[in-house]
Amino acid sequence: MKAFLKAGIALAIAGAGAAQAATELVVATVNNGHMIEMQKLTPFFEKAYPDIKLKWVTLEEGTLRQRVTTDIATKGGQFDVMTIGMYETPIWAKKGWLKPIDTDAAYDVDDLLPAIRAGLSEGGKLYASPFYGESSMLMYRKDLADKVGFKMPEQPTWEQVKEFAGKAHDPKAGVYGMCLRGKPGWGDNMAFFTTLVNTNGGQWFDMQWKPQIDTKPWKDALTFYVDIMKAYGPPGASANSFNENLALFNEGKCAMWVDATIAASFVSDPKQSKVADKVAFAQAPVAVTPKGANWLWAWALAVPAGSQKVDAAEKFVKWATSKDYIQLVAKEQGWHAVPTGTRKSTYATPEFLKAAKFADAEKKALDTANPNDSTLPKSPYVGVQFAAIPEFQAIGVAVGQQVSAALSGKVTVEQALKTSQTAAEREMRKAGYYK
């Protein structure tokens, strides 16, 4: 009997040890809608992989970037899976900070949209798997356009957009003519604002890596941006980024919004948007050139090279970015809710095309964004709304603060550009790009 009890106790201890041995993955991600949905689907992953448990760290975009950058640069090891983008991936891969993704046949890497795949690769290897991809486009209230007799072109000019903003602006009725990002940050206001600079014929750096901020195209872009937002923007626009403008649009407070194509699935969802049946889509507006008028980005999942749980982390990354995951979201939430902008197969699915009235405009925007040729004058860098060099993050943050200050009226357009130029020159000289 004692032997039997001892055996039972030994089995219980062994069982407890097995339960404790489940690998815990710490996943750092951004607080965007599709990521929140991914967290809700955690039980499906943990059921498929009972030896792996997920712990989520969900952060606002700017905070996420700071935390993951610090962690990977210092080899802190806080996170097993990181949500990063097209800016970080090639830079960090070159430094040896990321594990390449083992893209087996089941993952079907050839199904990834070419521009998205290329932006997350280095040396022919995929270093981050795209969870969703995006370009930027114009979302607008078709009912308001009809009401004021305005016909939106498939790709309007910024002057046409300003005309419609003026006609639709009705603050007494709680409707503002234009919503745009104003919150400072290289991935916040500068993601949008760089496309405005590009289409006005500007660039971040010339072929000698000299900053080009205090130039006519930048002045034209910033003057236009400040003017249209002061005349037709919502109050407090300098504090608004993606999520704040999404909330305003869904409440029916924006006649127009130029932002990430991924927003289309939210603004056209009647569960989230009061104007879901009234929204229409056009390509991002242009000024003097169509080059760089719409950005290219992917939020992607990557495994830091220093992770002690690479196998488990890679299983999760491939699960969350697979064709099967898209099918799972479709089954649980409907085809309108799937993360888009990553796979050719999504755009070949009749159910998705039927549910997503934005699909054609989104795909066109993604296909036309070219990070290798995004400026009218030739540029030495890769990237549409950023320059893929390590120094850009600090420069983009500094310039973003000046652009936001100009929008809120704290500094003039001229002061903002002069201060930005000085800051950029200092960073580039310090880094040894030129003397």
Protein backbone atom coordinates (compact mmCIF):
# COMPACT_ATOMS: atom_id res chain seq x y z
CA MET A 1 0.00 0.00 0.00
CA LYS A 2 2.87 2.36 0.92
CA ALA A 3 4.53 1.60 -2.39
CA PHE A 4 1.27 2.36 -4.18
CA LEU A 5 0.91 5.69 -2.32
CA LYS A 6 4.53 6.60 -3.06
CA ALA A 7 3.96 5.86 -6.73
CA GLY A 8 0.80 7.97 -6.72
CA ILE A 9 2.61 10.89 -5.06
CA ALA A 10 5.48 10.56 -7.53
CA LEU A 11 3.01 10.64 -10.43
CA ALA A 12 1.26 13.69 -8.99
CA ILE A 13 4.58 15.49 -8.59
CA ALA A 14 5.58 14.52 -12.10
CA GLY A 15 2.20 15.76 -13.35
CA ALA A 16 2.62 19.07 -11.55
CA GLY A 17 6.11 19.39 -13.00
CA ALA A 18 4.75 18.76 -16.49
CA ALA A 19 2.08 21.39 -15.98
CA GLN A 20 4.68 23.86 -14.79
CA ALA A 21 6.94 23.02 -17.73
CA ALA A 22 4.64 24.74 -20.22
CA THR A 23 6.68 27.37 -22.06
CA GLU A 24 5.49 30.93 -21.39
CA LEU A 25 5.94 33.30 -24.33
CA VAL A 26 5.90 37.03 -23.64
CA VAL A 27 4.46 38.78 -26.70
CA ALA A 28 4.90 42.56 -27.06
CA THR A 29 2.34 44.13 -29.35
CA VAL A 30 0.63 47.38 -30.31
CA ASN A 31 -2.87 48.35 -29.11
CA ASN A 32 -4.46 48.30 -32.57
CA GLY A 33 -7.76 46.54 -33.29
CA HIS A 34 -6.38 43.51 -35.12
CA MET A 35 -3.86 42.84 -32.34
CA ILE A 36 -6.59 43.04 -29.71
CA GLU A 37 -8.49 40.45 -31.76
CA MET A 38 -5.38 38.23 -31.88
CA GLN A 39 -5.27 38.27 -28.06
CA LYS A 40 -8.91 37.20 -27.89
CA LEU A 41 -8.03 34.18 -30.04
CA THR A 42 -5.27 33.06 -27.64
CA PRO A 43 -7.31 29.99 -26.52
CA PHE A 44 -7.24 28.61 -30.09
CA PHE A 45 -3.45 28.75 -30.13
CA GLU A 46 -3.05 27.31 -26.64
CA LYS A 47 -5.42 24.46 -27.51
CA ALA A 48 -3.36 23.64 -30.62
CA TYR A 49 -0.10 23.96 -28.62
CA PRO A 50 -0.96 22.94 -25.02
CA ASP A 51 2.71 23.12 -23.98
CA ILE A 52 2.86 26.87 -24.78
CA LYS A 53 1.18 29.69 -22.83
CA LEU A 54 0.97 33.29 -24.05
CA LYS A 55 1.51 36.39 -21.93
CA TRP A 56 0.61 39.67 -23.64
CA VAL A 57 2.22 43.07 -23.18
CA THR A 58 0.03 45.53 -25.11
CA LEU A 59 1.36 49.04 -25.57
CA GLU A 60 0.58 52.29 -27.36
CA GLU A 61 2.58 52.59 -30.60
CA GLY A 62 5.28 55.02 -29.46
CA THR A 63 5.80 53.20 -26.14
CA LEU A 64 5.99 49.82 -27.89
CA ARG A 65 8.75 51.09 -30.19
CA GLN A 66 10.78 52.44 -27.26
CA ARG A 67 10.40 49.27 -25.19
CA VAL A 68 11.24 46.74 -27.90
CA THR A 69 14.12 48.84 -29.27
CA THR A 70 15.69 49.17 -25.81
CA ASP A 71 15.13 45.48 -25.03
CA ILE A 72 16.69 44.15 -28.22
CA ALA A 73 19.60 46.62 -28.25
CA THR A 74 20.54 45.81 -24.64
CA LYS A 75 19.76 42.07 -25.04
CA GLY A 76 17.30 42.48 -22.18
CA GLY A 77 15.36 39.33 -23.05
CA GLN A 78 12.00 40.66 -21.79
CA PHE A 79 10.12 39.59 -24.94
CA ASP A 80 10.05 36.33 -26.88
CA VAL A 81 7.95 37.75 -29.73
CA MET A 82 8.07 41.40 -30.77
CA THR A 83 5.72 43.39 -32.96
CA ILE A 84 7.97 45.44 -35.24
CA GLY A 85 7.68 47.02 -38.68
CA MET A 86 9.38 47.54 -42.00
CA TYR A 87 11.69 50.18 -40.54
CA GLU A 88 13.25 48.03 -37.84
CA THR A 89 13.33 44.65 -39.60
CA PRO A 90 16.14 45.12 -42.17
CA ILE A 91 18.22 47.27 -39.78
CA TRP A 92 17.97 44.79 -36.90
CA ALA A 93 18.48 41.78 -39.19
CA LYS A 94 21.77 43.29 -40.41
CA LYS A 95 22.89 43.70 -36.80
CA GLY A 96 22.11 40.01 -36.11
CA TRP A 97 19.39 40.90 -33.61
CA LEU A 98 16.59 38.80 -35.19
CA LYS A 99 16.16 35.11 -35.94
CA PRO A 100 15.23 34.41 -39.58
CA ILE A 101 11.75 32.92 -39.92
CA ASP A 102 11.80 29.25 -40.94
CA THR A 103 9.31 29.46 -43.80
CA ASP A 104 8.27 25.86 -44.45
CA ALA A 105 5.92 24.76 -47.23
CA ALA A 106 2.83 25.03 -45.01
CA TYR A 107 3.57 28.71 -44.33
CA ASP A 108 3.59 29.45 -48.09
CA VAL A 109 5.94 32.43 -48.17
CA ASP A 110 5.24 32.89 -51.91
CA ASP A 111 1.66 33.83 -51.00
CA LEU A 112 2.90 37.02 -49.29
CA LEU A 113 2.41 40.23 -51.28
CA PRO A 114 5.79 40.98 -52.93
CA ALA A 115 6.24 44.52 -51.56
CA ILE A 116 5.40 43.40 -48.02
CA ARG A 117 7.69 40.36 -48.20
CA ALA A 118 10.58 42.42 -49.58
CA GLY A 119 10.25 45.03 -46.84
CA LEU A 120 10.54 42.39 -44.11
CA SER A 121 13.46 40.53 -45.67
CA GLU A 122 17.21 40.94 -45.60
CA GLY A 123 19.63 39.00 -47.77
CA GLY A 124 16.77 36.97 -49.25
CA LYS A 125 15.55 35.73 -45.84
CA LEU A 126 12.31 36.69 -44.07
CA TYR A 127 13.11 38.12 -40.62
CA ALA A 128 9.60 39.15 -39.54
CA SER A 129 6.24 37.67 -40.53
CA PRO A 130 3.58 40.21 -41.57
CA PHE A 131 0.50 40.21 -39.34
CA TYR A 132 -1.12 42.93 -41.39
CA GLY A 133 0.12 45.19 -44.15
CA GLU A 134 -1.01 48.67 -45.04
CA SER A 135 -0.65 51.55 -47.38
CA SER A 136 -2.55 54.81 -46.91
CA MET A 137 -5.69 56.07 -48.63
CA LEU A 138 -8.54 58.53 -48.36
CA MET A 139 -11.68 57.51 -46.48
CA TYR A 140 -14.60 59.88 -46.87
CA ARG A 141 -18.31 60.32 -46.21
CA LYS A 142 -20.09 59.66 -49.51
CA ASP A 143 -23.36 60.99 -48.07
CA LEU A 144 -21.74 64.36 -47.30
CA ALA A 145 -20.10 64.50 -50.73
CA ASP A 146 -23.51 63.89 -52.34
CA LYS A 147 -25.14 66.48 -50.08
CA VAL A 148 -22.73 69.25 -51.16
CA GLY A 149 -22.57 68.08 -54.79
CA PHE A 150 -18.91 66.98 -54.74
CA LYS A 151 -17.73 64.02 -56.83
CA MET A 152 -14.57 62.49 -55.40
CA PRO A 153 -12.05 61.39 -58.08
CA GLU A 154 -10.43 57.96 -57.74
CA GLN A 155 -7.19 59.79 -56.89
CA PRO A 156 -7.92 63.40 -55.93
CA THR A 157 -5.44 66.25 -55.66
CA TRP A 158 -4.87 67.86 -52.28
CA GLU A 159 -6.53 71.03 -53.60
CA GLN A 160 -9.67 69.02 -54.47
CA VAL A 161 -9.60 67.49 -51.01
CA LYS A 162 -9.33 70.93 -49.43
CA GLU A 163 -12.31 72.08 -51.52
CA PHE A 164 -14.46 69.21 -50.22
CA ALA A 165 -13.23 69.78 -46.65
CA GLY A 166 -14.47 73.37 -46.86
CA LYS A 167 -17.87 72.35 -48.19
CA ALA A 168 -18.41 69.52 -45.70
CA HIS A 169 -17.04 71.31 -42.60
CA ASP A 170 -19.92 71.88 -40.19
CA PRO A 171 -18.63 72.09 -36.61
CA LYS A 172 -22.05 73.11 -35.26
CA ALA A 173 -23.31 69.72 -36.44
CA GLY A 174 -20.19 68.06 -35.00
CA VAL A 175 -18.62 67.36 -38.42
CA TYR A 176 -15.07 68.42 -39.25
CA GLY A 177 -13.89 68.67 -42.84
CA MET A 178 -10.59 66.84 -42.39
CA CYS A 179 -9.04 64.52 -39.81
CA LEU A 180 -5.28 63.92 -40.00
CA ARG A 181 -2.62 62.73 -37.57
CA GLY A 182 -1.09 65.43 -35.37
CA LYS A 183 0.48 63.53 -32.47
CA PRO A 184 4.28 63.79 -32.66
CA GLY A 185 6.30 60.69 -33.53
CA TRP A 186 8.17 59.27 -36.51
CA GLY A 187 5.45 56.63 -36.87
CA ASP A 188 2.62 58.93 -35.80
CA ASN A 189 2.30 62.36 -37.46
CA MET A 190 5.44 61.87 -39.57
CA ALA A 191 4.09 58.73 -41.26
CA PHE A 192 1.35 60.83 -42.78
CA PHE A 193 3.30 64.07 -43.10
CA THR A 194 6.22 62.48 -44.99
CA THR A 195 3.79 61.36 -47.72
CA LEU A 196 2.58 64.97 -48.00
CA VAL A 197 6.21 66.10 -48.35
CA ASN A 198 6.91 63.38 -50.94
CA THR A 199 3.95 64.32 -53.13
CA ASN A 200 5.00 67.98 -52.93
CA GLY A 201 8.34 66.95 -54.44
CA GLY A 202 10.38 66.76 -51.23
CA GLN A 203 12.66 64.20 -49.59
CA TRP A 204 14.38 63.60 -46.24
CA PHE A 205 17.96 63.50 -47.59
CA ASP A 206 19.67 64.22 -50.91
CA MET A 207 22.18 61.82 -52.50
CA GLN A 208 24.95 63.22 -50.25
CA TRP A 209 22.80 62.42 -47.16
CA LYS A 210 22.25 66.11 -46.44
CA PRO A 211 18.87 66.83 -44.78
CA GLN A 212 16.43 68.66 -47.07
CA ILE A 213 13.89 69.85 -44.50
CA ASP A 214 14.34 73.60 -44.83
CA THR A 215 13.31 73.58 -48.50
CA LYS A 216 10.34 74.70 -50.58
CA PRO A 217 8.59 71.28 -50.82
CA TRP A 218 8.65 70.92 -47.02
CA LYS A 219 7.44 74.50 -46.58
CA ASP A 220 4.62 73.93 -49.08
CA ALA A 221 3.62 70.72 -47.32
CA LEU A 222 3.71 72.13 -43.78
CA THR A 223 1.92 75.34 -44.75
CA PHE A 224 -0.86 73.35 -46.45
CA TYR A 225 -1.13 70.91 -43.51
CA VAL A 226 -1.37 73.67 -40.90
CA ASP A 227 -3.85 75.66 -43.01
CA ILE A 228 -6.24 72.78 -43.75
CA MET A 229 -6.22 71.53 -40.16
CA LYS A 230 -6.67 74.98 -38.62
CA ALA A 231 -9.55 75.71 -40.97
CA TYR A 232 -11.29 72.33 -41.06
CA GLY A 233 -9.72 70.00 -38.45
CA PRO A 234 -11.18 68.90 -35.11
CA PRO A 235 -10.16 70.65 -31.88
CA GLY A 236 -6.96 69.30 -30.32
CA ALA A 237 -5.77 67.69 -33.58
CA SER A 238 -2.12 67.93 -32.49
CA ALA A 239 -2.80 65.13 -29.97
CA ASN A 240 -4.50 62.75 -32.42
CA SER A 241 -2.90 59.71 -34.04
CA PHE A 242 -4.47 56.62 -35.65
CA ASN A 243 -6.71 55.44 -32.81
CA GLU A 244 -8.00 58.92 -31.93
CA ASN A 245 -8.91 59.70 -35.54
CA LEU A 246 -10.49 56.27 -35.96
CA ALA A 247 -12.75 56.99 -32.99
CA LEU A 248 -13.69 60.41 -34.42
CA PHE A 249 -14.46 58.97 -37.86
CA ASN A 250 -16.53 56.11 -36.43
CA GLU A 251 -18.56 58.66 -34.44
CA GLY A 252 -19.37 60.49 -37.68
CA LYS A 253 -17.21 63.51 -36.83
CA CYS A 254 -14.87 63.41 -39.86
CA ALA A 255 -15.91 64.17 -43.42
CA MET A 256 -12.53 62.81 -44.55
CA TRP A 257 -9.53 61.00 -43.15
CA VAL A 258 -6.25 60.08 -44.86
CA ASP A 259 -4.61 57.23 -43.00
CA ALA A 260 -3.74 53.55 -43.02
CA THR A 261 -5.71 51.29 -45.35
CA ILE A 262 -6.16 48.90 -42.42
CA ALA A 263 -8.64 51.42 -40.96
CA ALA A 264 -11.06 50.59 -43.77
CA SER A 265 -12.17 47.34 -42.12
CA PHE A 266 -13.04 49.25 -38.92
CA VAL A 267 -14.81 52.27 -40.44
CA SER A 268 -16.95 49.97 -42.61
CA ASP A 269 -17.92 47.68 -39.72
CA PRO A 270 -21.41 48.54 -38.44
CA LYS A 271 -20.51 47.11 -35.01
CA GLN A 272 -17.86 49.82 -34.61
CA SER A 273 -18.83 52.63 -36.96
CA LYS A 274 -21.94 54.79 -36.97
CA VAL A 275 -21.21 55.71 -40.61
CA ALA A 276 -20.32 52.22 -41.91
CA ASP A 277 -22.89 52.40 -44.71
CA LYS A 278 -21.87 55.95 -45.71
CA VAL A 279 -18.09 55.57 -46.14
CA ALA A 280 -16.30 55.42 -49.49
CA PHE A 281 -12.64 55.11 -50.46
CA ALA A 282 -10.19 56.81 -52.83
CA GLN A 283 -6.42 56.73 -53.37
CA ALA A 284 -4.22 58.99 -51.26
CA PRO A 285 -4.27 62.57 -52.60
CA VAL A 286 -1.44 63.95 -54.75
CA ALA A 287 0.17 67.38 -55.23
CA VAL A 288 3.00 67.86 -57.76
CA THR A 289 3.89 64.15 -58.10
CA PRO A 290 2.21 60.82 -57.31
CA LYS A 291 5.54 59.48 -56.02
CA GLY A 292 5.45 58.65 -52.34
CA ALA A 293 1.88 59.88 -51.90
CA ASN A 294 0.88 56.69 -50.10
CA TRP A 295 2.98 54.88 -47.56
CA LEU A 296 3.90 51.21 -47.14
CA TRP A 297 4.04 49.50 -43.77
CA ALA A 298 3.55 46.15 -42.13
CA TRP A 299 3.13 45.32 -38.49
CA ALA A 300 4.97 42.04 -38.22
CA LEU A 301 5.96 39.47 -35.61
CA ALA A 302 9.64 38.72 -35.05
CA VAL A 303 11.74 36.57 -32.74
CA PRO A 304 14.75 38.26 -31.07
CA ALA A 305 18.01 36.40 -31.63
CA GLY A 306 18.64 36.24 -27.88
CA SER A 307 15.36 34.45 -27.07
CA GLN A 308 15.69 31.24 -25.06
CA LYS A 309 12.37 30.00 -26.49
CA VAL A 310 12.95 30.25 -30.25
CA ASP A 311 11.06 27.09 -31.25
CA ALA A 312 7.92 27.99 -29.30
CA ALA A 313 8.12 31.63 -30.42
CA GLU A 314 8.40 30.62 -34.06
CA LYS A 315 5.37 28.33 -33.74
CA PHE A 316 3.31 31.26 -32.51
CA VAL A 317 4.61 33.66 -35.18
CA LYS A 318 3.77 31.24 -37.98
CA TRP A 319 0.34 30.47 -36.47
CA ALA A 320 -0.65 34.15 -36.16
CA THR A 321 0.50 35.08 -39.68
CA SER A 322 -0.78 32.01 -41.54
CA LYS A 323 -3.57 31.52 -44.06
CA ASP A 324 -5.27 29.38 -41.41
CA TYR A 325 -5.31 32.28 -38.95
CA ILE A 326 -7.07 34.49 -41.51
CA GLN A 327 -9.66 31.73 -41.95
CA LEU A 328 -10.05 31.51 -38.15
CA VAL A 329 -10.77 35.25 -37.84
CA ALA A 330 -13.24 34.99 -40.73
CA LYS A 331 -15.02 32.13 -38.98
CA GLU A 332 -15.11 33.87 -35.58
CA GLN A 333 -15.69 37.49 -36.62
CA GLY A 334 -16.58 37.52 -40.33
CA TRP A 335 -14.51 38.21 -43.45
CA HIS A 336 -14.74 41.99 -42.98
CA ALA A 337 -12.64 41.65 -39.80
CA VAL A 338 -9.64 39.69 -41.13
CA PRO A 339 -6.16 41.28 -41.05
CA THR A 340 -5.43 42.36 -44.60
CA GLY A 341 -2.53 43.54 -46.72
CA THR A 342 -0.34 40.46 -46.35
CA ARG A 343 -1.44 37.57 -48.57
CA LYS A 344 -2.46 37.24 -52.22
CA SER A 345 -4.89 34.47 -51.23
CA THR A 346 -6.96 36.90 -49.13
CA TYR A 347 -7.66 39.05 -52.21
CA ALA A 348 -8.53 35.92 -54.20
CA THR A 349 -11.22 34.87 -51.70
CA PRO A 350 -14.75 35.67 -52.98
CA GLU A 351 -16.17 35.92 -49.44
CA PHE A 352 -13.60 38.56 -48.53
CA LEU A 353 -14.17 40.57 -51.71
CA LYS A 354 -17.90 40.52 -51.05
CA ALA A 355 -17.53 41.61 -47.42
CA ALA A 356 -14.81 44.23 -47.96
CA LYS A 357 -15.97 47.05 -50.20
CA PHE A 358 -12.55 48.64 -49.65
CA ALA A 359 -10.59 45.65 -51.04
CA ASP A 360 -9.89 47.07 -54.52
CA ALA A 361 -8.77 50.48 -53.25
CA GLU A 362 -6.61 48.87 -50.55
CA LYS A 363 -4.91 46.45 -52.97
CA LYS A 364 -4.25 49.24 -55.48
CA ALA A 365 -2.65 51.39 -52.77
CA LEU A 366 -0.46 48.49 -51.62
CA ASP A 367 0.60 47.64 -55.17
CA THR A 368 1.53 51.23 -56.07
CA ALA A 369 3.61 52.06 -52.98
CA ASN A 370 7.30 51.74 -53.86
CA PRO A 371 9.84 52.13 -51.03
CA ASN A 372 12.72 52.01 -53.54
CA ASP A 373 11.45 55.00 -55.58
CA SER A 374 9.32 57.23 -53.38
CA THR A 375 10.65 60.73 -54.08
CA LEU A 376 10.76 63.00 -57.12
CA PRO A 377 14.46 63.85 -56.71
CA LYS A 378 16.63 60.74 -56.35
CA SER A 379 17.12 59.69 -52.72
CA PRO A 380 19.79 57.44 -51.14
CA TYR A 381 17.41 55.72 -48.74
CA VAL A 382 14.76 52.98 -48.88
CA GLY A 383 11.33 53.73 -47.42
CA VAL A 384 8.26 55.79 -48.33
CA GLN A 385 7.31 57.43 -45.01
CA PHE A 386 10.66 56.79 -43.33
CA ALA A 387 14.32 56.42 -44.24
CA ALA A 388 15.61 52.97 -43.33
CA ILE A 389 18.72 54.11 -41.44
CA PRO A 390 19.25 53.78 -37.66
CA GLU A 391 19.49 57.55 -37.21
CA PHE A 392 16.05 58.20 -38.67
CA GLN A 393 14.17 57.30 -35.50
CA ALA A 394 15.69 60.18 -33.51
CA ILE A 395 15.40 62.59 -36.45
CA GLY A 396 11.79 61.61 -37.13
CA VAL A 397 10.83 62.15 -33.47
CA ALA A 398 12.52 65.57 -33.35
CA VAL A 399 10.89 66.75 -36.59
CA GLY A 400 7.53 65.29 -35.52
CA GLN A 401 7.60 67.48 -32.41
CA GLN A 402 8.21 70.59 -34.52
CA VAL A 403 5.43 69.70 -36.99
CA SER A 404 3.03 69.18 -34.09
CA ALA A 405 4.14 72.48 -32.54
CA ALA A 406 3.46 74.29 -35.84
CA LEU A 407 0.02 72.68 -36.00
CA SER A 408 -0.86 73.83 -32.47
CA GLY A 409 0.46 77.35 -33.21
CA LYS A 410 3.37 77.23 -30.75
CA VAL A 411 5.91 77.94 -33.51
CA THR A 412 5.69 79.26 -37.08
CA VAL A 413 6.12 77.02 -40.12
CA GLU A 414 9.50 78.67 -40.79
CA GLN A 415 10.69 78.16 -37.21
CA ALA A 416 9.60 74.52 -37.22
CA LEU A 417 11.49 73.75 -40.43
CA LYS A 418 14.64 75.64 -39.39
CA THR A 419 14.79 73.87 -36.01
CA SER A 420 14.14 70.51 -37.70
CA GLN A 421 16.87 71.08 -40.27
CA THR A 422 19.41 71.93 -37.56
CA ALA A 423 18.48 68.83 -35.51
CA ALA A 424 18.71 66.54 -38.56
CA GLU A 425 22.05 67.99 -39.65
CA ARG A 426 23.45 67.48 -36.17
CA GLU A 427 22.38 63.81 -36.07
CA MET A 428 23.71 63.05 -39.56
CA ARG A 429 27.06 64.75 -38.92
CA LYS A 430 27.41 62.95 -35.58
CA ALA A 431 26.77 59.64 -37.35
CA GLY A 432 29.45 60.43 -39.93
CA TYR A 433 27.27 60.71 -43.07
CA TYR A 434 29.01 63.96 -43.99
CA LYS A 435 31.24 66.64 -42.39
